[in-house]
């Protein structure tokens, strides 16, 4: 990977286009995306497990039966 840095001041306004200058800018952008992609792929997922919701028999019965 190249170590070119993105320079937001390039190309200067009304300056002639220089292919090497633009190539360096595009390479810096590509390197930034590759770095972000590499960091994203290196993340390990959290070890979370999803439990089943409680069912009526497992819930504690209420003290008063307000529905009847």
C-alpha atoms as a PDB file:
ATOM      1  CA  UNK A   1       0.000   0.000   0.000  1.00  0.00           C
ATOM      2  CA  UNK A   2       1.187   3.467  -0.796  1.00  0.00           C
ATOM      3  CA  UNK A   3       1.708   5.988   1.990  1.00  0.00           C
ATOM      4  CA  UNK A   4       0.334   8.936   0.012  1.00  0.00           C
ATOM      5  CA  UNK A   5      -1.751  11.381   2.000  1.00  0.00           C
ATOM      6  CA  UNK A   6      -4.899  13.037   0.727  1.00  0.00           C
ATOM      7  CA  UNK A   7      -4.321  16.751   0.190  1.00  0.00           C
ATOM      8  CA  UNK A   8      -7.668  18.566  -0.106  1.00  0.00           C
ATOM      9  CA  UNK A   9      -5.953  21.611  -1.607  1.00  0.00           C
ATOM     10  CA  UNK A  10      -5.040  19.629  -4.745  1.00  0.00           C
ATOM     11  CA  UNK A  11      -5.667  20.269  -7.532  1.00  0.00           C
ATOM     12  CA  UNK A  12      -5.574  24.007  -7.079  1.00  0.00           C
ATOM     13  CA  UNK A  13      -8.332  26.090  -8.631  1.00  0.00           C
ATOM     14  CA  UNK A  14      -7.702  26.864 -12.318  1.00  0.00           C
ATOM     15  CA  UNK A  15      -4.465  24.850 -12.314  1.00  0.00           C
ATOM     16  CA  UNK A  16      -3.598  22.569 -15.213  1.00  0.00           C
ATOM     17  CA  UNK A  17      -4.439  18.931 -14.578  1.00  0.00           C
ATOM     18  CA  UNK A  18      -1.408  16.813 -13.735  1.00  0.00           C
ATOM     19  CA  UNK A  19      -2.057  13.080 -13.961  1.00  0.00           C
ATOM     20  CA  UNK A  20       0.489  12.131 -11.302  1.00  0.00           C
ATOM     21  CA  UNK A  21      -1.040  14.558  -8.842  1.00  0.00           C
ATOM     22  CA  UNK A  22      -4.547  13.208  -9.405  1.00  0.00           C
ATOM     23  CA  UNK A  23      -3.317   9.619  -9.317  1.00  0.00           C
ATOM     24  CA  UNK A  24      -1.802  10.274  -5.900  1.00  0.00           C
ATOM     25  CA  UNK A  25      -5.074  11.763  -4.662  1.00  0.00           C
ATOM     26  CA  UNK A  26      -7.109   8.802  -5.914  1.00  0.00           C
ATOM     27  CA  UNK A  27      -4.602   6.372  -4.412  1.00  0.00           C
ATOM     28  CA  UNK A  28      -4.897   8.114  -1.039  1.00  0.00           C
ATOM     29  CA  UNK A  29      -8.697   7.815  -1.187  1.00  0.00           C
ATOM     30  CA  UNK A  30      -8.431   4.133  -2.140  1.00  0.00           C
ATOM     31  CA  UNK A  31      -6.033   3.530   0.750  1.00  0.00           C
ATOM     32  CA  UNK A  32      -8.461   5.178   3.160  1.00  0.00           C
ATOM     33  CA  UNK A  33     -11.293   2.905   2.031  1.00  0.00           C
ATOM     34  CA  UNK A  34      -9.032  -0.151   2.225  1.00  0.00           C
ATOM     35  CA  UNK A  35      -8.026   0.813   5.775  1.00  0.00           C
ATOM     36  CA  UNK A  36     -11.660   1.259   6.844  1.00  0.00           C
ATOM     37  CA  UNK A  37     -12.613  -2.042   5.188  1.00  0.00           C
ATOM     38  CA  UNK A  38      -9.748  -3.827   6.947  1.00  0.00           C
ATOM     39  CA  UNK A  39     -10.770  -2.429  10.318  1.00  0.00           C
ATOM     40  CA  UNK A  40     -14.383  -3.430   9.732  1.00  0.00           C
ATOM     41  CA  UNK A  41     -13.466  -6.982   8.740  1.00  0.00           C
ATOM     42  CA  UNK A  42     -11.202  -7.386  11.762  1.00  0.00           C
ATOM     43  CA  UNK A  43     -14.044  -6.708  14.210  1.00  0.00           C
ATOM     44  CA  UNK A  44     -15.194  -9.707  16.160  1.00  0.00           C
ATOM     45  CA  UNK A  45     -18.903 -10.089  16.731  1.00  0.00           C
ATOM     46  CA  UNK A  46     -20.185  -9.758  20.263  1.00  0.00           C
ATOM     47  CA  UNK A  47     -20.920 -13.014  22.030  1.00  0.00           C
ATOM     48  CA  UNK A  48     -24.580 -12.314  22.603  1.00  0.00           C
ATOM     49  CA  UNK A  49     -27.241 -14.964  22.714  1.00  0.00           C
ATOM     50  CA  UNK A  50     -30.911 -14.288  22.239  1.00  0.00           C
ATOM     51  CA  UNK A  51     -33.155 -15.955  24.777  1.00  0.00           C
ATOM     52  CA  UNK A  52     -36.743 -16.954  24.261  1.00  0.00           C
ATOM     53  CA  UNK A  53     -39.318 -14.643  25.789  1.00  0.00           C
ATOM     54  CA  UNK A  54     -41.049 -15.929  28.923  1.00  0.00           C
ATOM     55  CA  UNK A  55     -44.235 -17.858  28.494  1.00  0.00           C
ATOM     56  CA  UNK A  56     -47.339 -17.562  30.632  1.00  0.00           C
ATOM     57  CA  UNK A  57     -46.529 -20.636  32.806  1.00  0.00           C
ATOM     58  CA  UNK A  58     -43.045 -19.298  33.581  1.00  0.00           C
ATOM     59  CA  UNK A  59     -44.302 -15.882  34.676  1.00  0.00           C
ATOM     60  CA  UNK A  60     -45.139 -15.246  38.301  1.00  0.00           C
ATOM     61  CA  UNK A  61     -48.908 -15.131  38.803  1.00  0.00           C
ATOM     62  CA  UNK A  62     -50.339 -11.813  39.824  1.00  0.00           C
ATOM     63  CA  UNK A  63     -51.765 -11.297  43.334  1.00  0.00           C
ATOM     64  CA  UNK A  64     -55.135 -10.165  42.080  1.00  0.00           C
ATOM     65  CA  UNK A  65     -57.021 -11.413  39.125  1.00  0.00           C
ATOM     66  CA  UNK A  66     -58.315  -8.160  37.688  1.00  0.00           C
ATOM     67  CA  UNK A  67     -59.524  -9.703  34.441  1.00  0.00           C
ATOM     68  CA  UNK A  68     -62.370 -11.770  35.970  1.00  0.00           C
END
